[in-house]
């Protein structure tokens, strides 16, 4: 039982904390953008991406507040997602 708990604590807990930190960072950056700014979904080049993130990335820029094709306004789209939404300058 101790080994199971230790494994959960070291592996899964770190993943959950990383997800929470990435979500907070992404949402803070998104909320700081001015209304009407164009944003683009950018996938993490290191960890790759899933089909949802790829669809959002290929969709191009949308106005802040509009949904990407998967229904998300900003990243992350799922646990483990390390994508970001960047402002696009016209």
PDB file of N, CA and C in Angstrom:
ATOM      1  N   UNK A   1       0.822  -1.177   0.000  1.00  0.00           N
ATOM      2  CA  UNK A   1       0.000   0.000   0.000  1.00  0.00           C
ATOM      3  C   UNK A   1       0.875   1.253   0.000  1.00  0.00           C
ATOM      4  N   UNK A   2       1.926   1.219   0.777  1.00  0.00           N
ATOM      5  CA  UNK A   2       2.824   2.360   0.848  1.00  0.00           C
ATOM      6  C   UNK A   2       3.468   2.664  -0.506  1.00  0.00           C
ATOM      7  N   UNK A   3       3.858   1.607  -1.222  1.00  0.00           N
ATOM      8  CA  UNK A   3       4.480   1.791  -2.532  1.00  0.00           C
ATOM      9  C   UNK A   3       3.506   2.408  -3.531  1.00  0.00           C
ATOM     10  N   UNK A   4       2.257   1.990  -3.467  1.00  0.00           N
ATOM     11  CA  UNK A   4       1.238   2.549  -4.362  1.00  0.00           C
ATOM     12  C   UNK A   4       1.044   4.030  -4.069  1.00  0.00           C
ATOM     13  N   UNK A   5       0.922   4.376  -2.811  1.00  0.00           N
ATOM     14  CA  UNK A   5       0.748   5.779  -2.427  1.00  0.00           C
ATOM     15  C   UNK A   5       1.963   6.611  -2.839  1.00  0.00           C
ATOM     16  N   UNK A   6       3.142   6.096  -2.598  1.00  0.00           N
ATOM     17  CA  UNK A   6       4.364   6.815  -2.951  1.00  0.00           C
ATOM     18  C   UNK A   6       4.436   7.029  -4.460  1.00  0.00           C
ATOM     19  N   UNK A   7       4.080   6.000  -5.223  1.00  0.00           N
ATOM     20  CA  UNK A   7       4.064   6.131  -6.681  1.00  0.00           C
ATOM     21  C   UNK A   7       3.057   7.165  -7.144  1.00  0.00           C
ATOM     22  N   UNK A   8       1.877   7.153  -6.538  1.00  0.00           N
ATOM     23  CA  UNK A   8       0.853   8.139  -6.886  1.00  0.00           C
ATOM     24  C   UNK A   8       1.326   9.540  -6.530  1.00  0.00           C
ATOM     25  N   UNK A   9       1.885   9.659  -5.356  1.00  0.00           N
ATOM     26  CA  UNK A   9       2.308  10.969  -4.872  1.00  0.00           C
ATOM     27  C   UNK A   9       3.395  11.565  -5.762  1.00  0.00           C
ATOM     28  N   UNK A  10       4.346  10.764  -6.158  1.00  0.00           N
ATOM     29  CA  UNK A  10       5.459  11.307  -6.935  1.00  0.00           C
ATOM     30  C   UNK A  10       5.121  11.488  -8.411  1.00  0.00           C
ATOM     31  N   UNK A  11       4.326  10.610  -8.985  1.00  0.00           N
ATOM     32  CA  UNK A  11       4.037  10.686 -10.419  1.00  0.00           C
ATOM     33  C   UNK A  11       2.784  11.496 -10.722  1.00  0.00           C
ATOM     34  N   UNK A  12       1.663  11.035 -10.228  1.00  0.00           N
ATOM     35  CA  UNK A  12       0.396  11.673 -10.573  1.00  0.00           C
ATOM     36  C   UNK A  12       0.243  13.055  -9.967  1.00  0.00           C
ATOM     37  N   UNK A  13       0.676  13.220  -8.749  1.00  0.00           N
ATOM     38  CA  UNK A  13       0.538  14.519  -8.106  1.00  0.00           C
ATOM     39  C   UNK A  13       1.346  15.578  -8.851  1.00  0.00           C
ATOM     40  N   UNK A  14       2.542  15.232  -9.298  1.00  0.00           N
ATOM     41  CA  UNK A  14       3.344  16.169 -10.086  1.00  0.00           C
ATOM     42  C   UNK A  14       2.640  16.538 -11.389  1.00  0.00           C
ATOM     43  N   UNK A  15       2.012  15.567 -12.036  1.00  0.00           N
ATOM     44  CA  UNK A  15       1.281  15.846 -13.273  1.00  0.00           C
ATOM     45  C   UNK A  15       0.109  16.782 -13.014  1.00  0.00           C
ATOM     46  N   UNK A  16      -0.639  16.543 -11.941  1.00  0.00           N
ATOM     47  CA  UNK A  16      -1.775  17.407 -11.607  1.00  0.00           C
ATOM     48  C   UNK A  16      -1.314  18.828 -11.303  1.00  0.00           C
ATOM     49  N   UNK A  17      -0.239  18.956 -10.571  1.00  0.00           N
ATOM     50  CA  UNK A  17       0.275  20.287 -10.239  1.00  0.00           C
ATOM     51  C   UNK A  17       0.754  20.999 -11.504  1.00  0.00           C
ATOM     52  N   UNK A  18       1.423  20.280 -12.397  1.00  0.00           N
ATOM     53  CA  UNK A  18       1.844  20.873 -13.671  1.00  0.00           C
ATOM     54  C   UNK A  18       0.639  21.345 -14.478  1.00  0.00           C
ATOM     55  N   UNK A  19      -0.416  20.536 -14.522  1.00  0.00           N
ATOM     56  CA  UNK A  19      -1.628  20.911 -15.260  1.00  0.00           C
ATOM     57  C   UNK A  19      -2.269  22.159 -14.668  1.00  0.00           C
ATOM     58  N   UNK A  20      -2.337  22.230 -13.356  1.00  0.00           N
ATOM     59  CA  UNK A  20      -2.931  23.396 -12.694  1.00  0.00           C
ATOM     60  C   UNK A  20      -2.090  24.641 -12.964  1.00  0.00           C
ATOM     61  N   UNK A  21      -0.783  24.518 -12.875  1.00  0.00           N
ATOM     62  CA  UNK A  21       0.099  25.661 -13.129  1.00  0.00           C
ATOM     63  C   UNK A  21      -0.010  26.132 -14.578  1.00  0.00           C
ATOM     64  N   UNK A  22      -0.037  25.206 -15.515  1.00  0.00           N
ATOM     65  CA  UNK A  22      -0.170  25.579 -16.929  1.00  0.00           C
ATOM     66  C   UNK A  22      -1.517  26.227 -17.206  1.00  0.00           C
ATOM     67  N   UNK A  23      -2.569  25.703 -16.595  1.00  0.00           N
ATOM     68  CA  UNK A  23      -3.904  26.289 -16.766  1.00  0.00           C
ATOM     69  C   UNK A  23      -3.946  27.706 -16.220  1.00  0.00           C
ATOM     70  N   UNK A  24      -3.376  27.918 -15.050  1.00  0.00           N
ATOM     71  CA  UNK A  24      -3.370  29.247 -14.438  1.00  0.00           C
ATOM     72  C   UNK A  24      -2.559  30.229 -15.281  1.00  0.00           C
ATOM     73  N   UNK A  25      -1.408  29.804 -15.755  1.00  0.00           N
ATOM     74  CA  UNK A  25      -0.566  30.666 -16.594  1.00  0.00           C
ATOM     75  C   UNK A  25      -1.297  31.045 -17.880  1.00  0.00           C
ATOM     76  N   UNK A  26      -1.889  30.056 -18.524  1.00  0.00           N
ATOM     77  CA  UNK A  26      -2.577  30.286 -19.787  1.00  0.00           C
ATOM     78  C   UNK A  26      -3.791  31.189 -19.612  1.00  0.00           C
ATOM     79  N   UNK A  27      -4.578  30.943 -18.583  1.00  0.00           N
ATOM     80  CA  UNK A  27      -5.770  31.759 -18.360  1.00  0.00           C
ATOM     81  C   UNK A  27      -5.391  33.190 -17.997  1.00  0.00           C
ATOM     82  N   UNK A  28      -4.360  33.370 -17.190  1.00  0.00           N
ATOM     83  CA  UNK A  28      -3.904  34.710 -16.837  1.00  0.00           C
ATOM     84  C   UNK A  28      -3.445  35.495 -18.050  1.00  0.00           C
ATOM     85  N   UNK A  29      -2.686  34.851 -18.912  1.00  0.00           N
ATOM     86  CA  UNK A  29      -2.237  35.505 -20.140  1.00  0.00           C
ATOM     87  C   UNK A  29      -3.390  35.847 -21.058  1.00  0.00           C
ATOM     88  N   UNK A  30      -4.366  34.949 -21.137  1.00  0.00           N
ATOM     89  CA  UNK A  30      -5.534  35.172 -21.986  1.00  0.00           C
ATOM     90  C   UNK A  30      -6.368  36.335 -21.462  1.00  0.00           C
ATOM     91  N   UNK A  31      -6.594  36.380 -20.162  1.00  0.00           N
ATOM     92  CA  UNK A  31      -7.404  37.445 -19.576  1.00  0.00           C
ATOM     93  C   UNK A  31      -6.723  38.808 -19.669  1.00  0.00           C
ATOM     94  N   UNK A  32      -5.411  38.837 -19.754  1.00  0.00           N
ATOM     95  CA  UNK A  32      -4.681  40.103 -19.843  1.00  0.00           C
ATOM     96  C   UNK A  32      -4.763  40.736 -21.233  1.00  0.00           C
ATOM     97  N   UNK A  33      -5.170  39.964 -22.228  1.00  0.00           N
ATOM     98  CA  UNK A  33      -5.261  40.496 -23.586  1.00  0.00           C
ATOM     99  C   UNK A  33      -6.454  41.433 -23.723  1.00  0.00           C
ATOM    100  N   UNK A  34      -6.298  42.435 -24.569  1.00  0.00           N
ATOM    101  CA  UNK A  34      -7.381  43.378 -24.840  1.00  0.00           C
ATOM    102  C   UNK A  34      -8.494  42.682 -25.626  1.00  0.00           C
ATOM    103  N   UNK A  35      -9.746  43.111 -25.438  1.00  0.00           N
ATOM    104  CA  UNK A  35     -10.842  42.548 -26.240  1.00  0.00           C
ATOM    105  C   UNK A  35     -10.618  42.828 -27.730  1.00  0.00           C
ATOM    106  N   UNK A  36     -11.002  41.892 -28.554  1.00  0.00           N
ATOM    107  CA  UNK A  36     -10.881  42.060 -29.998  1.00  0.00           C
ATOM    108  C   UNK A  36      -9.538  41.671 -30.580  1.00  0.00           C
ATOM    109  N   UNK A  37      -8.590  41.286 -29.745  1.00  0.00           N
ATOM    110  CA  UNK A  37      -7.274  40.858 -30.226  1.00  0.00           C
ATOM    111  C   UNK A  37      -7.422  39.510 -30.923  1.00  0.00           C
ATOM    112  N   UNK A  38      -6.697  39.327 -32.010  1.00  0.00           N
ATOM    113  CA  UNK A  38      -6.670  38.031 -32.678  1.00  0.00           C
ATOM    114  C   UNK A  38      -5.683  37.130 -31.944  1.00  0.00           C
ATOM    115  N   UNK A  39      -6.092  35.904 -31.696  1.00  0.00           N
ATOM    116  CA  UNK A  39      -5.227  34.938 -31.024  1.00  0.00           C
ATOM    117  C   UNK A  39      -5.123  33.668 -31.859  1.00  0.00           C
ATOM    118  N   UNK A  40      -3.995  32.994 -31.743  1.00  0.00           N
ATOM    119  CA  UNK A  40      -3.767  31.736 -32.452  1.00  0.00           C
ATOM    120  C   UNK A  40      -3.342  30.669 -31.458  1.00  0.00           C
ATOM    121  N   UNK A  41      -3.784  29.463 -31.701  1.00  0.00           N
ATOM    122  CA  UNK A  41      -3.438  28.297 -30.884  1.00  0.00           C
ATOM    123  C   UNK A  41      -2.078  27.793 -31.337  1.00  0.00           C
ATOM    124  N   UNK A  42      -1.136  27.688 -30.430  1.00  0.00           N
ATOM    125  CA  UNK A  42       0.220  27.240 -30.759  1.00  0.00           C
ATOM    126  C   UNK A  42       0.519  25.981 -29.957  1.00  0.00           C
ATOM    127  N   UNK A  43       0.890  24.919 -30.665  1.00  0.00           N
ATOM    128  CA  UNK A  43       1.181  23.649 -29.998  1.00  0.00           C
ATOM    129  C   UNK A  43       2.606  23.656 -29.465  1.00  0.00           C
ATOM    130  N   UNK A  44       2.820  22.871 -28.442  1.00  0.00           N
ATOM    131  CA  UNK A  44       4.148  22.729 -27.844  1.00  0.00           C
ATOM    132  C   UNK A  44       5.014  21.880 -28.769  1.00  0.00           C
ATOM    133  N   UNK A  45       6.120  22.434 -29.287  1.00  0.00           N
ATOM    134  CA  UNK A  45       6.950  21.667 -30.212  1.00  0.00           C
ATOM    135  C   UNK A  45       7.689  20.501 -29.552  1.00  0.00           C
ATOM    136  N   UNK A  46       7.824  20.536 -28.241  1.00  0.00           N
ATOM    137  CA  UNK A  46       8.568  19.484 -27.546  1.00  0.00           C
ATOM    138  C   UNK A  46       7.693  18.267 -27.275  1.00  0.00           C
ATOM    139  N   UNK A  47       6.523  18.489 -26.690  1.00  0.00           N
ATOM    140  CA  UNK A  47       5.682  17.360 -26.292  1.00  0.00           C
ATOM    141  C   UNK A  47       4.708  16.932 -27.376  1.00  0.00           C
ATOM    142  N   UNK A  48       4.660  17.655 -28.487  1.00  0.00           N
ATOM    143  CA  UNK A  48       3.738  17.290 -29.546  1.00  0.00           C
ATOM    144  C   UNK A  48       2.321  17.704 -29.203  1.00  0.00           C
ATOM    145  N   UNK A  49       1.367  17.158 -29.943  1.00  0.00           N
ATOM    146  CA  UNK A  49      -0.014  17.544 -29.686  1.00  0.00           C
ATOM    147  C   UNK A  49      -0.959  16.416 -30.071  1.00  0.00           C
ATOM    148  N   UNK A  50      -2.184  16.552 -29.598  1.00  0.00           N
ATOM    149  CA  UNK A  50      -3.226  15.587 -29.931  1.00  0.00           C
ATOM    150  C   UNK A  50      -4.012  16.120 -31.127  1.00  0.00           C
ATOM    151  N   UNK A  51      -4.982  15.371 -31.594  1.00  0.00           N
ATOM    152  CA  UNK A  51      -5.766  15.795 -32.753  1.00  0.00           C
ATOM    153  C   UNK A  51      -6.587  17.045 -32.456  1.00  0.00           C
ATOM    154  N   UNK A  52      -7.083  17.198 -31.227  1.00  0.00           N
ATOM    155  CA  UNK A  52      -7.839  18.398 -30.867  1.00  0.00           C
ATOM    156  C   UNK A  52      -6.961  19.638 -30.982  1.00  0.00           C
ATOM    157  N   UNK A  53      -5.783  19.572 -30.418  1.00  0.00           N
ATOM    158  CA  UNK A  53      -4.871  20.716 -30.449  1.00  0.00           C
ATOM    159  C   UNK A  53      -4.426  21.017 -31.875  1.00  0.00           C
ATOM    160  N   UNK A  54      -4.205  19.983 -32.658  1.00  0.00           N
ATOM    161  CA  UNK A  54      -3.815  20.186 -34.052  1.00  0.00           C
ATOM    162  C   UNK A  54      -4.930  20.884 -34.823  1.00  0.00           C
ATOM    163  N   UNK A  55      -6.185  20.487 -34.590  1.00  0.00           N
ATOM    164  CA  UNK A  55      -7.325  21.151 -35.233  1.00  0.00           C
ATOM    165  C   UNK A  55      -7.372  22.625 -34.864  1.00  0.00           C
ATOM    166  N   UNK A  56      -7.175  22.929 -33.583  1.00  0.00           N
ATOM    167  CA  UNK A  56      -7.195  24.320 -33.135  1.00  0.00           C
ATOM    168  C   UNK A  56      -6.052  25.115 -33.754  1.00  0.00           C
ATOM    169  N   UNK A  57      -4.891  24.512 -33.860  1.00  0.00           N
ATOM    170  CA  UNK A  57      -3.733  25.182 -34.440  1.00  0.00           C
ATOM    171  C   UNK A  57      -3.943  25.463 -35.924  1.00  0.00           C
ATOM    172  N   UNK A  58      -4.507  24.504 -36.626  1.00  0.00           N
ATOM    173  CA  UNK A  58      -4.727  24.661 -38.065  1.00  0.00           C
ATOM    174  C   UNK A  58      -5.854  25.634 -38.388  1.00  0.00           C
ATOM    175  N   UNK A  59      -6.681  25.949 -37.414  1.00  0.00           N
ATOM    176  CA  UNK A  59      -7.809  26.858 -37.647  1.00  0.00           C
ATOM    177  C   UNK A  59      -7.355  28.289 -37.886  1.00  0.00           C
ATOM    178  N   UNK A  60      -6.145  28.626 -37.489  1.00  0.00           N
ATOM    179  CA  UNK A  60      -5.664  29.992 -37.651  1.00  0.00           C
ATOM    180  C   UNK A  60      -6.138  30.878 -36.514  1.00  0.00           C
ATOM    181  N   UNK A  61      -6.052  32.180 -36.728  1.00  0.00           N
ATOM    182  CA  UNK A  61      -6.378  33.147 -35.681  1.00  0.00           C
ATOM    183  C   UNK A  61      -7.884  33.355 -35.563  1.00  0.00           C
ATOM    184  N   UNK A  62      -8.332  33.551 -34.331  1.00  0.00           N
ATOM    185  CA  UNK A  62      -9.723  33.907 -34.036  1.00  0.00           C
ATOM    186  C   UNK A  62      -9.692  35.123 -33.114  1.00  0.00           C
ATOM    187  N   UNK A  63     -10.814  35.803 -32.992  1.00  0.00           N
ATOM    188  CA  UNK A  63     -10.898  36.923 -32.055  1.00  0.00           C
ATOM    189  C   UNK A  63     -10.929  36.394 -30.632  1.00  0.00           C
ATOM    190  N   UNK A  64     -10.325  37.136 -29.712  1.00  0.00           N
ATOM    191  CA  UNK A  64     -10.358  36.741 -28.303  1.00  0.00           C
ATOM    192  C   UNK A  64     -11.814  36.597 -27.878  1.00  0.00           C
ATOM    193  N   UNK A  65     -12.126  35.492 -27.238  1.00  0.00           N
ATOM    194  CA  UNK A  65     -13.484  35.225 -26.789  1.00  0.00           C
ATOM    195  C   UNK A  65     -14.248  34.290 -27.704  1.00  0.00           C
ATOM    196  N   UNK A  66     -13.811  34.165 -28.956  1.00  0.00           N
ATOM    197  CA  UNK A  66     -14.423  33.199 -29.862  1.00  0.00           C
ATOM    198  C   UNK A  66     -13.824  31.827 -29.585  1.00  0.00           C
ATOM    199  N   UNK A  67     -14.591  30.810 -29.882  1.00  0.00           N
ATOM    200  CA  UNK A  67     -14.116  29.449 -29.639  1.00  0.00           C
ATOM    201  C   UNK A  67     -13.320  28.930 -30.828  1.00  0.00           C
ATOM    202  N   UNK A  68     -12.331  28.118 -30.527  1.00  0.00           N
ATOM    203  CA  UNK A  68     -11.615  27.382 -31.552  1.00  0.00           C
ATOM    204  C   UNK A  68     -12.493  26.200 -31.972  1.00  0.00           C
ATOM    205  N   UNK A  69     -12.141  25.468 -33.029  1.00  0.00           N
ATOM    206  CA  UNK A  69     -13.002  24.382 -33.519  1.00  0.00           C
ATOM    207  C   UNK A  69     -13.409  23.342 -32.469  1.00  0.00           C
ATOM    208  N   UNK A  70     -12.599  23.132 -31.455  1.00  0.00           N
ATOM    209  CA  UNK A  70     -12.934  22.125 -30.445  1.00  0.00           C
ATOM    210  C   UNK A  70     -13.793  22.681 -29.320  1.00  0.00           C
ATOM    211  N   UNK A  71     -14.136  23.973 -29.382  1.00  0.00           N
ATOM    212  CA  UNK A  71     -14.985  24.574 -28.360  1.00  0.00           C
ATOM    213  C   UNK A  71     -14.233  25.248 -27.233  1.00  0.00           C
ATOM    214  N   UNK A  72     -12.922  25.296 -27.312  1.00  0.00           N
ATOM    215  CA  UNK A  72     -12.101  25.945 -26.285  1.00  0.00           C
ATOM    216  C   UNK A  72     -11.811  27.382 -26.691  1.00  0.00           C
ATOM    217  N   UNK A  73     -11.804  28.283 -25.712  1.00  0.00           N
ATOM    218  CA  UNK A  73     -11.417  29.667 -25.979  1.00  0.00           C
ATOM    219  C   UNK A  73      -9.912  29.851 -25.826  1.00  0.00           C
ATOM    220  N   UNK A  74      -9.294  29.044 -24.972  1.00  0.00           N
ATOM    221  CA  UNK A  74      -7.850  29.123 -24.745  1.00  0.00           C
ATOM    222  C   UNK A  74      -7.345  27.775 -24.268  1.00  0.00           C
ATOM    223  N   UNK A  75      -6.035  27.610 -24.362  1.00  0.00           N
ATOM    224  CA  UNK A  75      -5.402  26.367 -23.916  1.00  0.00           C
ATOM    225  C   UNK A  75      -5.305  26.363 -22.394  1.00  0.00           C
ATOM    226  N   UNK A  76      -5.135  25.240 -21.781  1.00  0.00           N
ATOM    227  CA  UNK A  76      -4.968  23.899 -22.319  1.00  0.00           C
ATOM    228  C   UNK A  76      -6.311  23.230 -22.620  1.00  0.00           C
ATOM    229  N   UNK A  77      -6.276  22.313 -23.568  1.00  0.00           N
ATOM    230  CA  UNK A  77      -7.492  21.637 -24.005  1.00  0.00           C
ATOM    231  C   UNK A  77      -7.777  20.369 -23.205  1.00  0.00           C
ATOM    232  N   UNK A  78      -6.764  19.813 -22.565  1.00  0.00           N
ATOM    233  CA  UNK A  78      -6.922  18.535 -21.855  1.00  0.00           C
ATOM    234  C   UNK A  78      -5.771  18.376 -20.866  1.00  0.00           C
ATOM    235  N   UNK A  79      -5.879  17.451 -19.934  1.00  0.00           N
ATOM    236  CA  UNK A  79      -4.759  17.204 -19.017  1.00  0.00           C
ATOM    237  C   UNK A  79      -3.501  16.817 -19.800  1.00  0.00           C
ATOM    238  N   UNK A  80      -2.399  17.397 -19.422  1.00  0.00           N
ATOM    239  CA  UNK A  80      -1.141  17.126 -20.106  1.00  0.00           C
ATOM    240  C   UNK A  80      -0.871  18.042 -21.289  1.00  0.00           C
ATOM    241  N   UNK A  81      -1.847  18.849 -21.667  1.00  0.00           N
ATOM    242  CA  UNK A  81      -1.702  19.776 -22.795  1.00  0.00           C
ATOM    243  C   UNK A  81      -0.759  20.909 -22.398  1.00  0.00           C
ATOM    244  N   UNK A  82       0.187  21.210 -23.268  1.00  0.00           N
ATOM    245  CA  UNK A  82       1.129  22.295 -23.011  1.00  0.00           C
ATOM    246  C   UNK A  82       1.069  23.358 -24.111  1.00  0.00           C
ATOM    247  N   UNK A  83      -0.038  23.390 -24.824  1.00  0.00           N
ATOM    248  CA  UNK A  83      -0.241  24.399 -25.859  1.00  0.00           C
ATOM    249  C   UNK A  83      -0.507  25.755 -25.215  1.00  0.00           C
ATOM    250  N   UNK A  84      -0.355  26.805 -26.005  1.00  0.00           N
ATOM    251  CA  UNK A  84      -0.637  28.162 -25.551  1.00  0.00           C
ATOM    252  C   UNK A  84      -1.429  28.896 -26.621  1.00  0.00           C
ATOM    253  N   UNK A  85      -2.072  29.980 -26.221  1.00  0.00           N
ATOM    254  CA  UNK A  85      -2.748  30.866 -27.153  1.00  0.00           C
ATOM    255  C   UNK A  85      -1.945  32.162 -27.179  1.00  0.00           C
ATOM    256  N   UNK A  86      -1.484  32.540 -28.363  1.00  0.00           N
ATOM    257  CA  UNK A  86      -0.658  33.735 -28.530  1.00  0.00           C
ATOM    258  C   UNK A  86      -1.424  34.820 -29.269  1.00  0.00           C
ATOM    259  N   UNK A  87      -1.186  36.083 -28.896  1.00  0.00           N
ATOM    260  CA  UNK A  87      -1.799  37.175 -29.661  1.00  0.00           C
ATOM    261  C   UNK A  87      -1.115  37.321 -31.022  1.00  0.00           C
ATOM    262  N   UNK A  88      -1.900  37.653 -32.021  1.00  0.00           N
ATOM    263  CA  UNK A  88      -1.389  37.863 -33.371  1.00  0.00           C
ATOM    264  C   UNK A  88      -1.488  39.345 -33.684  1.00  0.00           C
ATOM    265  N   UNK A  89      -0.382  39.946 -34.078  1.00  0.00           N
ATOM    266  CA  UNK A  89      -0.391  41.365 -34.430  1.00  0.00           C
ATOM    267  C   UNK A  89      -0.761  41.516 -35.895  1.00  0.00           C
ATOM    268  N   UNK A  90      -1.650  42.458 -36.149  1.00  0.00           N
ATOM    269  CA  UNK A  90      -2.075  42.704 -37.536  1.00  0.00           C
ATOM    270  C   UNK A  90      -1.074  43.548 -38.270  1.00  0.00           C
TER     271      UNK A  90
END
